[in-house]
Amino acid sequence: MAKINIIQKGPSGTVQYIEGWLKKNTCDFYFEFGGGDTVAIVTIPAEDKWDAAFPWAAGRRKEILTFVANEVRRTQAKSSTIVWEEKSFRLVNK
């Protein structure tokens, strides 16, 4: 079962994706709070860098990032919209 953990350090921090029970596999993504309509920006590896960054999750970039984005939105900014970019996703209030 997968989960996320958000570690906040001032106006930025880390979103951790965690899966596994005995052996936990994690992906850490940097985030910072945005301005204007942007609630937060989460930085992610580009598609061509994913497998090297997380070999245990090779080929699962879309699955994992969709889970992370949906969980961050659900737990932190329910009324926001997820906006995808090549190396990040943003939570935006429209």
PDB file of N, CA and C in Angstrom:
ATOM      1  N   MET A   1       0.834  -1.178   0.000  1.00  0.00           N
ATOM      2  CA  MET A   1       0.000   0.000   0.000  1.00  0.00           C
ATOM      3  C   MET A   1       0.881   1.244   0.000  1.00  0.00           C
ATOM      4  N   ALA A   2       0.574   2.179  -0.848  1.00  0.00           N
ATOM      5  CA  ALA A   2       1.370   3.388  -0.977  1.00  0.00           C
ATOM      6  C   ALA A   2       0.787   4.515  -0.141  1.00  0.00           C
ATOM      7  N   LYS A   3       1.654   5.459   0.233  1.00  0.00           N
ATOM      8  CA  LYS A   3       1.213   6.645   0.946  1.00  0.00           C
ATOM      9  C   LYS A   3       2.178   7.783   0.634  1.00  0.00           C
ATOM     10  N   ILE A   4       1.779   8.990   1.026  1.00  0.00           N
ATOM     11  CA  ILE A   4       2.684  10.123   0.906  1.00  0.00           C
ATOM     12  C   ILE A   4       2.949  10.688   2.298  1.00  0.00           C
ATOM     13  N   ASN A   5       4.076  11.340   2.416  1.00  0.00           N
ATOM     14  CA  ASN A   5       4.457  12.034   3.637  1.00  0.00           C
ATOM     15  C   ASN A   5       4.977  13.401   3.199  1.00  0.00           C
ATOM     16  N   ILE A   6       4.463  14.466   3.803  1.00  0.00           N
ATOM     17  CA  ILE A   6       4.897  15.808   3.447  1.00  0.00           C
ATOM     18  C   ILE A   6       5.750  16.356   4.578  1.00  0.00           C
ATOM     19  N   ILE A   7       6.977  16.756   4.231  1.00  0.00           N
ATOM     20  CA  ILE A   7       7.907  17.315   5.200  1.00  0.00           C
ATOM     21  C   ILE A   7       8.100  18.779   4.841  1.00  0.00           C
ATOM     22  N   GLN A   8       7.552  19.650   5.662  1.00  0.00           N
ATOM     23  CA  GLN A   8       7.599  21.080   5.371  1.00  0.00           C
ATOM     24  C   GLN A   8       8.746  21.730   6.124  1.00  0.00           C
ATOM     25  N   LYS A   9       9.503  22.576   5.407  1.00  0.00           N
ATOM     26  CA  LYS A   9      10.596  23.346   5.998  1.00  0.00           C
ATOM     27  C   LYS A   9      10.418  24.784   5.536  1.00  0.00           C
ATOM     28  N   GLY A  10       9.615  25.532   6.278  1.00  0.00           N
ATOM     29  CA  GLY A  10       9.316  26.902   5.869  1.00  0.00           C
ATOM     30  C   GLY A  10       8.420  26.898   4.644  1.00  0.00           C
ATOM     31  N   PRO A  11       8.775  27.696   3.625  1.00  0.00           N
ATOM     32  CA  PRO A  11       7.924  27.798   2.432  1.00  0.00           C
ATOM     33  C   PRO A  11       8.186  26.710   1.390  1.00  0.00           C
ATOM     34  N   SER A  12       8.914  25.665   1.777  1.00  0.00           N
ATOM     35  CA  SER A  12       9.217  24.568   0.848  1.00  0.00           C
ATOM     36  C   SER A  12       9.343  23.280   1.651  1.00  0.00           C
ATOM     37  N   GLY A  13       9.755  22.223   0.969  1.00  0.00           N
ATOM     38  CA  GLY A  13       9.932  20.948   1.652  1.00  0.00           C
ATOM     39  C   GLY A  13       9.980  19.792   0.681  1.00  0.00           C
ATOM     40  N   THR A  14       9.572  18.636   1.160  1.00  0.00           N
ATOM     41  CA  THR A  14       9.641  17.400   0.385  1.00  0.00           C
ATOM     42  C   THR A  14       8.318  16.662   0.471  1.00  0.00           C
ATOM     43  N   VAL A  15       7.890  16.148  -0.670  1.00  0.00           N
ATOM     44  CA  VAL A  15       6.775  15.202  -0.702  1.00  0.00           C
ATOM     45  C   VAL A  15       7.407  13.830  -0.924  1.00  0.00           C
ATOM     46  N   GLN A  16       7.189  12.918  -0.012  1.00  0.00           N
ATOM     47  CA  GLN A  16       7.716  11.564  -0.133  1.00  0.00           C
ATOM     48  C   GLN A  16       6.602  10.627  -0.564  1.00  0.00           C
ATOM     49  N   TYR A  17       6.907   9.814  -1.578  1.00  0.00           N
ATOM     50  CA  TYR A  17       6.045   8.697  -1.955  1.00  0.00           C
ATOM     51  C   TYR A  17       6.680   7.479  -1.313  1.00  0.00           C
ATOM     52  N   ILE A  18       5.895   6.699  -0.576  1.00  0.00           N
ATOM     53  CA  ILE A  18       6.416   5.546   0.153  1.00  0.00           C
ATOM     54  C   ILE A  18       5.549   4.338  -0.166  1.00  0.00           C
ATOM     55  N   GLU A  19       6.199   3.232  -0.539  1.00  0.00           N
ATOM     56  CA  GLU A  19       5.458   1.988  -0.724  1.00  0.00           C
ATOM     57  C   GLU A  19       6.295   0.838  -0.189  1.00  0.00           C
ATOM     58  N   GLY A  20       5.614  -0.218   0.131  1.00  0.00           N
ATOM     59  CA  GLY A  20       6.288  -1.392   0.677  1.00  0.00           C
ATOM     60  C   GLY A  20       6.062  -1.502   2.175  1.00  0.00           C
ATOM     61  N   TRP A  21       6.297  -2.674   2.688  1.00  0.00           N
ATOM     62  CA  TRP A  21       6.058  -2.905   4.101  1.00  0.00           C
ATOM     63  C   TRP A  21       7.374  -3.150   4.822  1.00  0.00           C
ATOM     64  N   LEU A  22       8.015  -4.270   4.582  1.00  0.00           N
ATOM     65  CA  LEU A  22       9.310  -4.532   5.216  1.00  0.00           C
ATOM     66  C   LEU A  22      10.419  -3.705   4.575  1.00  0.00           C
ATOM     67  N   LYS A  23      10.469  -3.736   3.256  1.00  0.00           N
ATOM     68  CA  LYS A  23      11.453  -2.929   2.537  1.00  0.00           C
ATOM     69  C   LYS A  23      10.709  -1.761   1.913  1.00  0.00           C
ATOM     70  N   LYS A  24      10.922  -0.596   2.452  1.00  0.00           N
ATOM     71  CA  LYS A  24      10.217   0.580   1.958  1.00  0.00           C
ATOM     72  C   LYS A  24      10.982   1.206   0.798  1.00  0.00           C
ATOM     73  N   ASN A  25      10.274   1.448  -0.282  1.00  0.00           N
ATOM     74  CA  ASN A  25      10.817   2.179  -1.423  1.00  0.00           C
ATOM     75  C   ASN A  25      10.235   3.581  -1.382  1.00  0.00           C
ATOM     76  N   THR A  26      11.079   4.579  -1.637  1.00  0.00           N
ATOM     77  CA  THR A  26      10.601   5.959  -1.576  1.00  0.00           C
ATOM     78  C   THR A  26      11.072   6.764  -2.782  1.00  0.00           C
ATOM     79  N   CYS A  27      10.279   7.765  -3.102  1.00  0.00           N
ATOM     80  CA  CYS A  27      10.640   8.797  -4.064  1.00  0.00           C
ATOM     81  C   CYS A  27      10.454  10.114  -3.328  1.00  0.00           C
ATOM     82  N   ASP A  28      11.436  10.990  -3.383  1.00  0.00           N
ATOM     83  CA  ASP A  28      11.332  12.300  -2.759  1.00  0.00           C
ATOM     84  C   ASP A  28      11.237  13.366  -3.838  1.00  0.00           C
ATOM     85  N   PHE A  29      10.275  14.269  -3.671  1.00  0.00           N
ATOM     86  CA  PHE A  29      10.052  15.347  -4.629  1.00  0.00           C
ATOM     87  C   PHE A  29      10.056  16.676  -3.880  1.00  0.00           C
ATOM     88  N   TYR A  30      10.816  17.628  -4.369  1.00  0.00           N
ATOM     89  CA  TYR A  30      10.883  18.965  -3.776  1.00  0.00           C
ATOM     90  C   TYR A  30       9.593  19.722  -4.066  1.00  0.00           C
ATOM     91  N   PHE A  31       9.108  20.473  -3.075  1.00  0.00           N
ATOM     92  CA  PHE A  31       7.958  21.338  -3.336  1.00  0.00           C
ATOM     93  C   PHE A  31       8.203  22.710  -2.734  1.00  0.00           C
ATOM     94  N   GLU A  32       7.514  23.681  -3.278  1.00  0.00           N
ATOM     95  CA  GLU A  32       7.497  25.006  -2.673  1.00  0.00           C
ATOM     96  C   GLU A  32       6.115  25.608  -2.871  1.00  0.00           C
ATOM     97  N   PHE A  33       5.738  26.457  -1.940  1.00  0.00           N
ATOM     98  CA  PHE A  33       4.464  27.148  -2.063  1.00  0.00           C
ATOM     99  C   PHE A  33       4.574  28.184  -3.165  1.00  0.00           C
ATOM    100  N   GLY A  34       3.485  28.381  -3.885  1.00  0.00           N
ATOM    101  CA  GLY A  34       3.469  29.329  -4.987  1.00  0.00           C
ATOM    102  C   GLY A  34       2.839  30.645  -4.576  1.00  0.00           C
ATOM    103  N   GLY A  35       2.675  31.505  -5.562  1.00  0.00           N
ATOM    104  CA  GLY A  35       2.026  32.787  -5.353  1.00  0.00           C
ATOM    105  C   GLY A  35       0.863  32.920  -6.321  1.00  0.00           C
ATOM    106  N   GLY A  36       0.033  33.911  -6.113  1.00  0.00           N
ATOM    107  CA  GLY A  36      -1.118  34.115  -6.983  1.00  0.00           C
ATOM    108  C   GLY A  36      -2.066  32.939  -6.899  1.00  0.00           C
ATOM    109  N   ASP A  37      -2.433  32.392  -8.058  1.00  0.00           N
ATOM    110  CA  ASP A  37      -3.352  31.254  -8.110  1.00  0.00           C
ATOM    111  C   ASP A  37      -2.676  29.922  -7.790  1.00  0.00           C
ATOM    112  N   THR A  38      -1.335  29.889  -7.801  1.00  0.00           N
ATOM    113  CA  THR A  38      -0.600  28.643  -7.575  1.00  0.00           C
ATOM    114  C   THR A  38      -0.440  28.388  -6.081  1.00  0.00           C
ATOM    115  N   VAL A  39      -0.998  27.279  -5.621  1.00  0.00           N
ATOM    116  CA  VAL A  39      -0.894  26.894  -4.215  1.00  0.00           C
ATOM    117  C   VAL A  39       0.492  26.318  -3.943  1.00  0.00           C
ATOM    118  N   ALA A  40       0.931  25.380  -4.786  1.00  0.00           N
ATOM    119  CA  ALA A  40       2.223  24.723  -4.605  1.00  0.00           C
ATOM    120  C   ALA A  40       2.732  24.193  -5.938  1.00  0.00           C
ATOM    121  N   ILE A  41       4.054  24.074  -6.026  1.00  0.00           N
ATOM    122  CA  ILE A  41       4.724  23.495  -7.190  1.00  0.00           C
ATOM    123  C   ILE A  41       5.556  22.323  -6.690  1.00  0.00           C
ATOM    124  N   VAL A  42       5.370  21.153  -7.300  1.00  0.00           N
ATOM    125  CA  VAL A  42       6.130  19.961  -6.930  1.00  0.00           C
ATOM    126  C   VAL A  42       7.023  19.599  -8.113  1.00  0.00           C
ATOM    127  N   THR A  43       8.334  19.563  -7.870  1.00  0.00           N
ATOM    128  CA  THR A  43       9.304  19.258  -8.918  1.00  0.00           C
ATOM    129  C   THR A  43       9.458  17.747  -9.054  1.00  0.00           C
ATOM    130  N   ILE A  44       9.453  17.270 -10.305  1.00  0.00           N
ATOM    131  CA  ILE A  44       9.543  15.831 -10.585  1.00  0.00           C
ATOM    132  C   ILE A  44      10.597  15.588 -11.659  1.00  0.00           C
ATOM    133  N   PRO A  45      11.203  14.394 -11.689  1.00  0.00           N
ATOM    134  CA  PRO A  45      12.161  14.094 -12.753  1.00  0.00           C
ATOM    135  C   PRO A  45      11.470  14.027 -14.117  1.00  0.00           C
ATOM    136  N   ALA A  46      12.152  14.524 -15.135  1.00  0.00           N
ATOM    137  CA  ALA A  46      11.643  14.410 -16.503  1.00  0.00           C
ATOM    138  C   ALA A  46      11.480  12.932 -16.846  1.00  0.00           C
ATOM    139  N   GLU A  47      10.635  12.656 -17.806  1.00  0.00           N
ATOM    140  CA  GLU A  47      10.344  11.268 -18.166  1.00  0.00           C
ATOM    141  C   GLU A  47      11.607  10.477 -18.506  1.00  0.00           C
ATOM    142  N   ASP A  48      12.546  11.094 -19.227  1.00  0.00           N
ATOM    143  CA  ASP A  48      13.765  10.384 -19.633  1.00  0.00           C
ATOM    144  C   ASP A  48      14.766  10.201 -18.485  1.00  0.00           C
ATOM    145  N   LYS A  49      14.509  10.798 -17.324  1.00  0.00           N
ATOM    146  CA  LYS A  49      15.399  10.670 -16.156  1.00  0.00           C
ATOM    147  C   LYS A  49      14.794   9.785 -15.058  1.00  0.00           C
ATOM    148  N   TRP A  50      13.524   9.459 -15.190  1.00  0.00           N
ATOM    149  CA  TRP A  50      12.807   8.744 -14.128  1.00  0.00           C
ATOM    150  C   TRP A  50      13.455   7.408 -13.772  1.00  0.00           C
ATOM    151  N   ASP A  51      13.680   6.539 -14.753  1.00  0.00           N
ATOM    152  CA  ASP A  51      14.180   5.187 -14.473  1.00  0.00           C
ATOM    153  C   ASP A  51      15.540   5.215 -13.780  1.00  0.00           C
ATOM    154  N   ALA A  52      16.388   6.175 -14.136  1.00  0.00           N
ATOM    155  CA  ALA A  52      17.699   6.293 -13.492  1.00  0.00           C
ATOM    156  C   ALA A  52      17.558   6.807 -12.059  1.00  0.00           C
ATOM    157  N   ALA A  53      16.613   7.725 -11.839  1.00  0.00           N
ATOM    158  CA  ALA A  53      16.421   8.291 -10.504  1.00  0.00           C
ATOM    159  C   ALA A  53      15.802   7.275  -9.537  1.00  0.00           C
ATOM    160  N   PHE A  54      14.891   6.444 -10.058  1.00  0.00           N
ATOM    161  CA  PHE A  54      14.178   5.472  -9.226  1.00  0.00           C
ATOM    162  C   PHE A  54      14.129   4.119  -9.928  1.00  0.00           C
ATOM    163  N   PRO A  55      15.254   3.382  -9.959  1.00  0.00           N
ATOM    164  CA  PRO A  55      15.293   2.110 -10.691  1.00  0.00           C
ATOM    165  C   PRO A  55      14.245   1.101 -10.219  1.00  0.00           C
ATOM    166  N   TRP A  56      13.903   1.112  -8.948  1.00  0.00           N
ATOM    167  CA  TRP A  56      12.902   0.185  -8.413  1.00  0.00           C
ATOM    168  C   TRP A  56      11.504   0.497  -8.950  1.00  0.00           C
ATOM    169  N   ALA A  57      11.314   1.725  -9.487  1.00  0.00           N
ATOM    170  CA  ALA A  57      10.009   2.135 -10.016  1.00  0.00           C
ATOM    171  C   ALA A  57      10.064   2.378 -11.525  1.00  0.00           C
ATOM    172  N   ALA A  58      10.998   1.721 -12.181  1.00  0.00           N
ATOM    173  CA  ALA A  58      11.151   1.900 -13.629  1.00  0.00           C
ATOM    174  C   ALA A  58       9.842   1.589 -14.345  1.00  0.00           C
ATOM    175  N   GLY A  59       9.480   2.463 -15.287  1.00  0.00           N
ATOM    176  CA  GLY A  59       8.261   2.269 -16.064  1.00  0.00           C
ATOM    177  C   GLY A  59       6.974   2.638 -15.347  1.00  0.00           C
ATOM    178  N   ARG A  60       7.074   3.158 -14.123  1.00  0.00           N
ATOM    179  CA  ARG A  60       5.873   3.454 -13.326  1.00  0.00           C
ATOM    180  C   ARG A  60       5.699   4.947 -13.039  1.00  0.00           C
ATOM    181  N   ARG A  61       6.366   5.792 -13.803  1.00  0.00           N
ATOM    182  CA  ARG A  61       6.345   7.237 -13.553  1.00  0.00           C
ATOM    183  C   ARG A  61       4.910   7.780 -13.493  1.00  0.00           C
ATOM    184  N   LYS A  62       4.136   7.532 -14.525  1.00  0.00           N
ATOM    185  CA  LYS A  62       2.779   8.081 -14.581  1.00  0.00           C
ATOM    186  C   LYS A  62       1.936   7.581 -13.408  1.00  0.00           C
ATOM    187  N   GLU A  63       1.995   6.306 -13.119  1.00  0.00           N
ATOM    188  CA  GLU A  63       1.224   5.712 -12.015  1.00  0.00           C
ATOM    189  C   GLU A  63       1.558   6.377 -10.684  1.00  0.00           C
ATOM    190  N   ILE A  64       2.845   6.496 -10.394  1.00  0.00           N
ATOM    191  CA  ILE A  64       3.279   7.046  -9.110  1.00  0.00           C
ATOM    192  C   ILE A  64       2.982   8.536  -9.021  1.00  0.00           C
ATOM    193  N   LEU A  65       3.285   9.276 -10.078  1.00  0.00           N
ATOM    194  CA  LEU A  65       3.049  10.723 -10.027  1.00  0.00           C
ATOM    195  C   LEU A  65       1.565  11.068  -9.968  1.00  0.00           C
ATOM    196  N   THR A  66       0.739  10.294 -10.627  1.00  0.00           N
ATOM    197  CA  THR A  66      -0.704  10.514 -10.541  1.00  0.00           C
ATOM    198  C   THR A  66      -1.179  10.307  -9.109  1.00  0.00           C
ATOM    199  N   PHE A  67      -0.695   9.250  -8.468  1.00  0.00           N
ATOM    200  CA  PHE A  67      -1.044   8.989  -7.071  1.00  0.00           C
ATOM    201  C   PHE A  67      -0.586  10.142  -6.179  1.00  0.00           C
ATOM    202  N   VAL A  68       0.684  10.566  -6.349  1.00  0.00           N
ATOM    203  CA  VAL A  68       1.232  11.647  -5.527  1.00  0.00           C
ATOM    204  C   VAL A  68       0.420  12.928  -5.712  1.00  0.00           C
ATOM    205  N   ALA A  69       0.172  13.316  -6.948  1.00  0.00           N
ATOM    206  CA  ALA A  69      -0.565  14.555  -7.218  1.00  0.00           C
ATOM    207  C   ALA A  69      -1.968  14.507  -6.622  1.00  0.00           C
ATOM    208  N   ASN A  70      -2.649  13.396  -6.809  1.00  0.00           N
ATOM    209  CA  ASN A  70      -4.006  13.269  -6.275  1.00  0.00           C
ATOM    210  C   ASN A  70      -4.032  13.290  -4.748  1.00  0.00           C
ATOM    211  N   GLU A  71      -3.052  12.657  -4.119  1.00  0.00           N
ATOM    212  CA  GLU A  71      -2.999  12.644  -2.652  1.00  0.00           C
ATOM    213  C   GLU A  71      -2.624  14.013  -2.095  1.00  0.00           C
ATOM    214  N   VAL A  72      -1.693  14.705  -2.723  1.00  0.00           N
ATOM    215  CA  VAL A  72      -1.334  16.047  -2.268  1.00  0.00           C
ATOM    216  C   VAL A  72      -2.558  16.955  -2.389  1.00  0.00           C
ATOM    217  N   ARG A  73      -3.233  16.870  -3.512  1.00  0.00           N
ATOM    218  CA  ARG A  73      -4.444  17.680  -3.710  1.00  0.00           C
ATOM    219  C   ARG A  73      -5.509  17.332  -2.664  1.00  0.00           C
ATOM    220  N   ARG A  74      -5.762  16.045  -2.472  1.00  0.00           N
ATOM    221  CA  ARG A  74      -6.804  15.602  -1.537  1.00  0.00           C
ATOM    222  C   ARG A  74      -6.511  16.035  -0.103  1.00  0.00           C
ATOM    223  N   THR A  75      -5.255  15.955   0.303  1.00  0.00           N
ATOM    224  CA  THR A  75      -4.921  16.232   1.705  1.00  0.00           C
ATOM    225  C   THR A  75      -4.557  17.685   1.977  1.00  0.00           C
ATOM    226  N   GLN A  76      -4.145  18.432   0.955  1.00  0.00           N
ATOM    227  CA  GLN A  76      -3.637  19.780   1.196  1.00  0.00           C
ATOM    228  C   GLN A  76      -4.436  20.905   0.537  1.00  0.00           C
ATOM    229  N   ALA A  77      -5.069  20.636  -0.599  1.00  0.00           N
ATOM    230  CA  ALA A  77      -5.732  21.712  -1.348  1.00  0.00           C
ATOM    231  C   ALA A  77      -6.875  21.132  -2.177  1.00  0.00           C
ATOM    232  N   LYS A  78      -7.921  20.683  -1.500  1.00  0.00           N
ATOM    233  CA  LYS A  78      -9.019  19.955  -2.152  1.00  0.00           C
ATOM    234  C   LYS A  78      -9.664  20.703  -3.307  1.00  0.00           C
ATOM    235  N   SER A  79      -9.728  22.011  -3.240  1.00  0.00           N
ATOM    236  CA  SER A  79     -10.412  22.770  -4.291  1.00  0.00           C
ATOM    237  C   SER A  79      -9.497  23.139  -5.462  1.00  0.00           C
ATOM    238  N   SER A  80      -8.254  22.715  -5.408  1.00  0.00           N
ATOM    239  CA  SER A  80      -7.311  23.077  -6.464  1.00  0.00           C
ATOM    240  C   SER A  80      -7.414  22.138  -7.666  1.00  0.00           C
ATOM    241  N   THR A  81      -6.773  22.547  -8.753  1.00  0.00           N
ATOM    242  CA  THR A  81      -6.675  21.762  -9.982  1.00  0.00           C
ATOM    243  C   THR A  81      -5.201  21.388 -10.178  1.00  0.00           C
ATOM    244  N   ILE A  82      -4.960  20.184 -10.673  1.00  0.00           N
ATOM    245  CA  ILE A  82      -3.590  19.742 -10.954  1.00  0.00           C
ATOM    246  C   ILE A  82      -3.231  20.167 -12.376  1.00  0.00           C
ATOM    247  N   VAL A  83      -2.113  20.877 -12.514  1.00  0.00           N
ATOM    248  CA  VAL A  83      -1.619  21.307 -13.823  1.00  0.00           C
ATOM    249  C   VAL A  83      -0.260  20.634 -14.031  1.00  0.00           C
ATOM    250  N   TRP A  84      -0.168  19.795 -15.065  1.00  0.00           N
ATOM    251  CA  TRP A  84       1.051  19.029 -15.343  1.00  0.00           C
ATOM    252  C   TRP A  84       1.985  19.791 -16.269  1.00  0.00           C
ATOM    253  N   GLU A  85       3.274  19.723 -15.959  1.00  0.00           N
ATOM    254  CA  GLU A  85       4.331  20.248 -16.811  1.00  0.00           C
ATOM    255  C   GLU A  85       5.399  19.161 -16.912  1.00  0.00           C
ATOM    256  N   GLU A  86       6.391  19.358 -17.768  1.00  0.00           N
ATOM    257  CA  GLU A  86       7.380  18.300 -18.002  1.00  0.00           C
ATOM    258  C   GLU A  86       8.138  17.911 -16.739  1.00  0.00           C
ATOM    259  N   LYS A  87       8.537  18.887 -15.936  1.00  0.00           N
ATOM    260  CA  LYS A  87       9.352  18.595 -14.758  1.00  0.00           C
ATOM    261  C   LYS A  87       8.693  19.022 -13.456  1.00  0.00           C
ATOM    262  N   SER A  88       7.379  19.203 -13.488  1.00  0.00           N
ATOM    263  CA  SER A  88       6.681  19.586 -12.264  1.00  0.00           C
ATOM    264  C   SER A  88       5.173  19.411 -12.449  1.00  0.00           C
ATOM    265  N   PHE A  89       4.490  19.467 -11.332  1.00  0.00           N
ATOM    266  CA  PHE A  89       3.042  19.683 -11.381  1.00  0.00           C
ATOM    267  C   PHE A  89       2.722  20.765 -10.371  1.00  0.00           C
ATOM    268  N   ARG A  90       1.678  21.504 -10.657  1.00  0.00           N
ATOM    269  CA  ARG A  90       1.259  22.597  -9.794  1.00  0.00           C
ATOM    270  C   ARG A  90      -0.168  22.352  -9.333  1.00  0.00           C
ATOM    271  N   LEU A  91      -0.450  22.808  -8.138  1.00  0.00           N
ATOM    272  CA  LEU A  91      -1.814  22.863  -7.653  1.00  0.00           C
ATOM    273  C   LEU A  91      -2.247  24.308  -7.779  1.00  0.00           C
ATOM    274  N   VAL A  92      -3.333  24.519  -8.542  1.00  0.00           N
ATOM    275  CA  VAL A  92      -3.760  25.869  -8.877  1.00  0.00           C
ATOM    276  C   VAL A  92      -5.220  26.053  -8.467  1.00  0.00           C
ATOM    277  N   ASN A  93      -5.502  27.184  -7.860  1.00  0.00           N
ATOM    278  CA  ASN A  93      -6.887  27.573  -7.577  1.00  0.00           C
ATOM    279  C   ASN A  93      -7.346  28.453  -8.710  1.00  0.00           C
ATOM    280  N   LYS A  94      -8.405  28.053  -9.377  1.00  0.00           N
ATOM    281  CA  LYS A  94      -8.896  28.824 -10.534  1.00  0.00           C
ATOM    282  C   LYS A  94     -10.118  29.610 -10.168  1.00  0.00           C
TER     283      LYS A  94
END
